[in-house]
Amino acid sequence: MSIQSYIANLKTRPDHVRRKTAFWWSFGITAIIAAFYIGSITGINIQSGAAVASIADKAGSPVDSMVAGAGALADDIWTMITGPKKVTYSEVQVTPGVK
C-alpha cells in the first residue's frame, strides 16, 4: 500500500477516524524526534549502546550543567527569600611568645 492510496482511503473515512489517525501519526513522529534529541543530550552512542568516551564526556553532559544551574538558581532564590547569611566578626588578639 502506497502513501497516496493510504491517504485516499483515509479521506473516505469519517472525521473522527481521520482526527484520531492524525493524532497518532503526529504522536509517533514526535516520539521519534524526542528519542533522538534525548539521545544526543545524554551522549549515548546509538550504534554500540554505550556512552561515548570523549573529552566532552569528561567535561560532563549538558544535563549535568542544567542540573547544576537549577541547583544554583534554587540557592539564589532561597537567599533572596530568607535574606543573606549573617556574618559575625570576632576580634582575635595575637601576643608573641604566648600559647
N, C-alpha and C. Protein backbone atom coordinates (compact mmCIF):
# COMPACT_ATOMS: atom_id res chain seq x y z
N MET A 1 0.85 -1.17 0.00
CA MET A 1 0.00 0.00 0.00
C MET A 1 0.90 1.24 0.00
N SER A 2 0.69 2.10 -0.96
CA SER A 2 1.49 3.32 -1.04
C SER A 2 0.88 4.41 -0.15
N ILE A 3 1.65 5.44 0.06
CA ILE A 3 1.17 6.54 0.89
C ILE A 3 -0.02 7.23 0.23
N GLN A 4 0.02 7.36 -1.10
CA GLN A 4 -1.07 8.03 -1.81
C GLN A 4 -2.38 7.25 -1.66
N SER A 5 -2.31 5.93 -1.77
CA SER A 5 -3.53 5.14 -1.62
C SER A 5 -4.01 5.13 -0.17
N TYR A 6 -3.07 5.17 0.78
CA TYR A 6 -3.44 5.22 2.20
C TYR A 6 -4.18 6.52 2.51
N ILE A 7 -3.67 7.64 1.98
CA ILE A 7 -4.31 8.94 2.20
C ILE A 7 -5.66 8.99 1.50
N ALA A 8 -5.74 8.44 0.29
CA ALA A 8 -7.02 8.42 -0.43
C ALA A 8 -8.04 7.58 0.33
N ASN A 9 -7.61 6.46 0.90
CA ASN A 9 -8.51 5.62 1.69
C ASN A 9 -8.92 6.33 2.98
N LEU A 10 -7.99 7.08 3.57
CA LEU A 10 -8.28 7.80 4.81
C LEU A 10 -9.28 8.94 4.58
N LYS A 11 -9.25 9.53 3.39
CA LYS A 11 -10.19 10.62 3.07
C LYS A 11 -11.64 10.14 3.04
N THR A 12 -11.85 8.87 2.78
CA THR A 12 -13.22 8.35 2.74
C THR A 12 -13.77 8.02 4.12
N ARG A 13 -12.91 8.03 5.13
CA ARG A 13 -13.31 7.69 6.50
C ARG A 13 -14.02 8.88 7.16
N PRO A 14 -14.77 8.62 8.24
CA PRO A 14 -15.41 9.71 8.98
C PRO A 14 -14.37 10.65 9.62
N ASP A 15 -14.83 11.82 10.01
CA ASP A 15 -13.94 12.85 10.53
C ASP A 15 -13.25 12.40 11.81
N HIS A 16 -13.95 11.73 12.72
CA HIS A 16 -13.33 11.33 13.99
C HIS A 16 -12.22 10.30 13.77
N VAL A 17 -12.34 9.47 12.76
CA VAL A 17 -11.29 8.50 12.45
C VAL A 17 -10.06 9.22 11.88
N ARG A 18 -10.29 10.21 11.03
CA ARG A 18 -9.18 10.96 10.45
C ARG A 18 -8.43 11.73 11.53
N ARG A 19 -9.17 12.32 12.48
CA ARG A 19 -8.53 13.06 13.57
C ARG A 19 -7.70 12.13 14.46
N LYS A 20 -8.26 10.96 14.76
CA LYS A 20 -7.53 10.00 15.60
C LYS A 20 -6.27 9.52 14.89
N THR A 21 -6.37 9.25 13.60
CA THR A 21 -5.21 8.81 12.83
C THR A 21 -4.15 9.90 12.78
N ALA A 22 -4.56 11.14 12.56
CA ALA A 22 -3.62 12.26 12.52
C ALA A 22 -2.93 12.44 13.87
N PHE A 23 -3.69 12.28 14.97
CA PHE A 23 -3.10 12.40 16.30
C PHE A 23 -2.03 11.35 16.52
N TRP A 24 -2.32 10.10 16.21
CA TRP A 24 -1.35 9.03 16.48
C TRP A 24 -0.13 9.12 15.58
N TRP A 25 -0.30 9.54 14.33
CA TRP A 25 0.86 9.73 13.46
C TRP A 25 1.75 10.85 13.98
N SER A 26 1.14 11.96 14.38
CA SER A 26 1.94 13.07 14.89
C SER A 26 2.60 12.70 16.22
N PHE A 27 1.91 11.95 17.06
CA PHE A 27 2.49 11.49 18.33
C PHE A 27 3.70 10.59 18.07
N GLY A 28 3.58 9.67 17.13
CA GLY A 28 4.68 8.77 16.82
C GLY A 28 5.89 9.49 16.27
N ILE A 29 5.69 10.42 15.36
CA ILE A 29 6.80 11.16 14.78
C ILE A 29 7.47 12.04 15.85
N THR A 30 6.66 12.65 16.71
CA THR A 30 7.21 13.46 17.79
C THR A 30 8.00 12.60 18.76
N ALA A 31 7.55 11.39 19.06
CA ALA A 31 8.27 10.49 19.96
C ALA A 31 9.62 10.09 19.37
N ILE A 32 9.67 9.86 18.08
CA ILE A 32 10.93 9.51 17.43
C ILE A 32 11.91 10.68 17.50
N ILE A 33 11.43 11.89 17.22
CA ILE A 33 12.29 13.07 17.28
C ILE A 33 12.78 13.29 18.71
N ALA A 34 11.89 13.12 19.69
CA ALA A 34 12.28 13.29 21.10
C ALA A 34 13.32 12.26 21.52
N ALA A 35 13.19 11.04 21.03
CA ALA A 35 14.17 10.00 21.37
C ALA A 35 15.56 10.36 20.84
N PHE A 36 15.63 10.85 19.61
CA PHE A 36 16.92 11.27 19.06
C PHE A 36 17.47 12.47 19.83
N TYR A 37 16.61 13.41 20.22
CA TYR A 37 17.04 14.59 20.96
C TYR A 37 17.60 14.19 22.32
N ILE A 38 16.90 13.35 23.05
CA ILE A 38 17.36 12.91 24.37
C ILE A 38 18.64 12.10 24.23
N GLY A 39 18.73 11.28 23.22
CA GLY A 39 19.96 10.53 22.98
C GLY A 39 21.14 11.43 22.70
N SER A 40 20.92 12.53 22.02
CA SER A 40 22.03 13.45 21.74
C SER A 40 22.44 14.22 22.98
N ILE A 41 21.51 14.50 23.88
CA ILE A 41 21.85 15.23 25.11
C ILE A 41 22.62 14.33 26.06
N THR A 42 22.20 13.10 26.24
CA THR A 42 22.85 12.22 27.21
C THR A 42 24.14 11.62 26.68
N GLY A 43 24.43 11.76 25.41
CA GLY A 43 25.69 11.28 24.85
C GLY A 43 25.71 9.78 24.63
N ILE A 44 24.57 9.17 24.35
CA ILE A 44 24.53 7.73 24.12
C ILE A 44 24.85 7.45 22.66
N ASN A 45 25.75 6.52 22.44
CA ASN A 45 26.10 6.11 21.10
C ASN A 45 25.07 5.07 20.65
N ILE A 46 24.28 5.39 19.65
CA ILE A 46 23.19 4.52 19.22
C ILE A 46 23.73 3.22 18.63
N GLN A 47 24.90 3.25 17.97
CA GLN A 47 25.43 2.05 17.33
C GLN A 47 25.85 1.00 18.34
N SER A 48 26.52 1.41 19.41
CA SER A 48 27.00 0.41 20.37
C SER A 48 26.18 0.39 21.65
N GLY A 49 25.34 1.41 21.88
CA GLY A 49 24.52 1.46 23.07
C GLY A 49 25.28 1.86 24.31
N ALA A 50 26.54 2.26 24.17
CA ALA A 50 27.36 2.65 25.32
C ALA A 50 27.61 4.15 25.25
N ALA A 51 28.03 4.68 26.37
CA ALA A 51 28.35 6.10 26.40
C ALA A 51 29.59 6.38 25.57
N VAL A 52 29.60 7.48 24.90
CA VAL A 52 30.72 7.85 24.05
C VAL A 52 31.86 8.34 24.92
N ALA A 53 33.03 7.75 24.76
CA ALA A 53 34.20 8.15 25.54
C ALA A 53 34.93 9.24 24.78
N SER A 54 34.78 10.44 25.22
CA SER A 54 35.45 11.56 24.57
C SER A 54 35.72 12.64 25.60
N ILE A 55 36.31 13.69 25.15
CA ILE A 55 36.59 14.81 26.03
C ILE A 55 35.29 15.44 26.53
N ALA A 56 34.27 15.43 25.70
CA ALA A 56 33.00 16.01 26.10
C ALA A 56 32.40 15.26 27.28
N ASP A 57 32.59 13.94 27.34
CA ASP A 57 32.07 13.16 28.47
C ASP A 57 32.84 13.47 29.75
N LYS A 58 34.13 13.69 29.61
CA LYS A 58 34.93 14.03 30.80
C LYS A 58 34.51 15.38 31.36
N ALA A 59 34.09 16.28 30.49
CA ALA A 59 33.67 17.60 30.93
C ALA A 59 32.27 17.57 31.51
N GLY A 60 31.52 16.52 31.27
CA GLY A 60 30.15 16.44 31.77
C GLY A 60 29.16 16.68 30.65
N SER A 61 27.98 16.14 30.83
CA SER A 61 26.96 16.28 29.80
C SER A 61 26.19 17.58 30.00
N PRO A 62 25.45 18.01 28.99
CA PRO A 62 24.62 19.20 29.15
C PRO A 62 23.57 19.03 30.26
N VAL A 63 23.15 17.80 30.50
CA VAL A 63 22.18 17.56 31.57
C VAL A 63 22.81 17.88 32.92
N ASP A 64 24.08 17.51 33.12
CA ASP A 64 24.77 17.85 34.36
C ASP A 64 24.85 19.36 34.55
N SER A 65 25.12 20.07 33.48
CA SER A 65 25.19 21.53 33.55
C SER A 65 23.84 22.13 33.90
N MET A 66 22.77 21.58 33.30
CA MET A 66 21.43 22.09 33.59
C MET A 66 21.06 21.82 35.04
N VAL A 67 21.40 20.64 35.56
CA VAL A 67 21.09 20.31 36.95
C VAL A 67 21.86 21.22 37.89
N ALA A 68 23.13 21.46 37.60
CA ALA A 68 23.93 22.35 38.44
C ALA A 68 23.38 23.77 38.39
N GLY A 69 22.97 24.20 37.22
CA GLY A 69 22.39 25.54 37.09
C GLY A 69 21.07 25.67 37.84
N ALA A 70 20.26 24.61 37.81
CA ALA A 70 19.00 24.63 38.54
C ALA A 70 19.25 24.67 40.04
N GLY A 71 20.28 23.95 40.51
CA GLY A 71 20.62 23.98 41.93
C GLY A 71 21.10 25.35 42.36
N ALA A 72 21.91 25.99 41.53
CA ALA A 72 22.39 27.34 41.84
C ALA A 72 21.23 28.33 41.84
N LEU A 73 20.31 28.17 40.92
CA LEU A 73 19.14 29.04 40.87
C LEU A 73 18.29 28.87 42.13
N ALA A 74 18.11 27.62 42.56
CA ALA A 74 17.33 27.37 43.78
C ALA A 74 18.01 28.01 44.99
N ASP A 75 19.33 27.91 45.07
CA ASP A 75 20.07 28.55 46.18
C ASP A 75 19.92 30.07 46.14
N ASP A 76 19.99 30.66 44.95
CA ASP A 76 19.84 32.11 44.83
C ASP A 76 18.44 32.56 45.23
N ILE A 77 17.42 31.81 44.81
CA ILE A 77 16.05 32.16 45.18
C ILE A 77 15.86 32.04 46.68
N TRP A 78 16.41 30.98 47.28
CA TRP A 78 16.30 30.80 48.73
C TRP A 78 16.98 31.94 49.48
N THR A 79 18.13 32.38 48.99
CA THR A 79 18.83 33.50 49.61
C THR A 79 18.02 34.80 49.47
N MET A 80 17.36 34.99 48.34
CA MET A 80 16.53 36.17 48.16
C MET A 80 15.35 36.17 49.11
N ILE A 81 14.78 35.00 49.37
CA ILE A 81 13.62 34.90 50.25
C ILE A 81 14.02 35.07 51.71
N THR A 82 15.05 34.37 52.12
CA THR A 82 15.43 34.37 53.54
C THR A 82 16.40 35.49 53.89
N GLY A 83 16.95 36.15 52.93
CA GLY A 83 17.92 37.19 53.20
C GLY A 83 19.32 36.62 53.19
N PRO A 84 20.32 37.49 53.14
CA PRO A 84 21.69 37.00 53.10
C PRO A 84 22.08 36.36 54.43
N LYS A 85 23.05 35.51 54.38
CA LYS A 85 23.54 34.85 55.59
C LYS A 85 24.24 35.88 56.47
N LYS A 86 23.97 35.82 57.74
CA LYS A 86 24.57 36.76 58.69
C LYS A 86 26.00 36.33 59.00
N VAL A 87 26.89 37.27 58.97
CA VAL A 87 28.28 37.00 59.28
C VAL A 87 28.62 37.78 60.54
N THR A 88 29.18 37.10 61.51
CA THR A 88 29.60 37.77 62.73
C THR A 88 31.12 37.77 62.78
N TYR A 89 31.65 38.88 63.17
CA TYR A 89 33.09 39.03 63.25
C TYR A 89 33.49 39.04 64.72
N SER A 90 34.60 38.43 65.02
CA SER A 90 35.13 38.49 66.38
C SER A 90 36.58 38.95 66.31
N GLU A 91 37.01 39.56 67.36
CA GLU A 91 38.36 40.09 67.37
C GLU A 91 39.30 39.07 68.00
N VAL A 92 40.42 38.85 67.37
CA VAL A 92 41.41 37.90 67.87
C VAL A 92 42.68 38.69 68.17
N GLN A 93 43.18 38.52 69.37
CA GLN A 93 44.43 39.20 69.74
C GLN A 93 45.56 38.19 69.72
N VAL A 94 46.62 38.56 69.05
CA VAL A 94 47.78 37.69 68.94
C VAL A 94 48.91 38.33 69.75
N THR A 95 49.42 37.56 70.70
CA THR A 95 50.51 38.04 71.54
C THR A 95 51.73 37.18 71.26
N PRO A 96 52.87 37.79 70.96
CA PRO A 96 54.06 36.99 70.64
C PRO A 96 54.57 36.23 71.86
N GLY A 97 54.92 34.96 71.64
CA GLY A 97 55.51 34.13 72.67
C GLY A 97 54.52 33.50 73.62
N VAL A 98 53.24 33.75 73.49
CA VAL A 98 52.23 33.18 74.40
C VAL A 98 51.38 32.20 73.62
N LYS A 99 51.25 30.99 74.21
CA LYS A 99 50.43 29.99 73.53
C LYS A 99 49.02 30.00 74.04
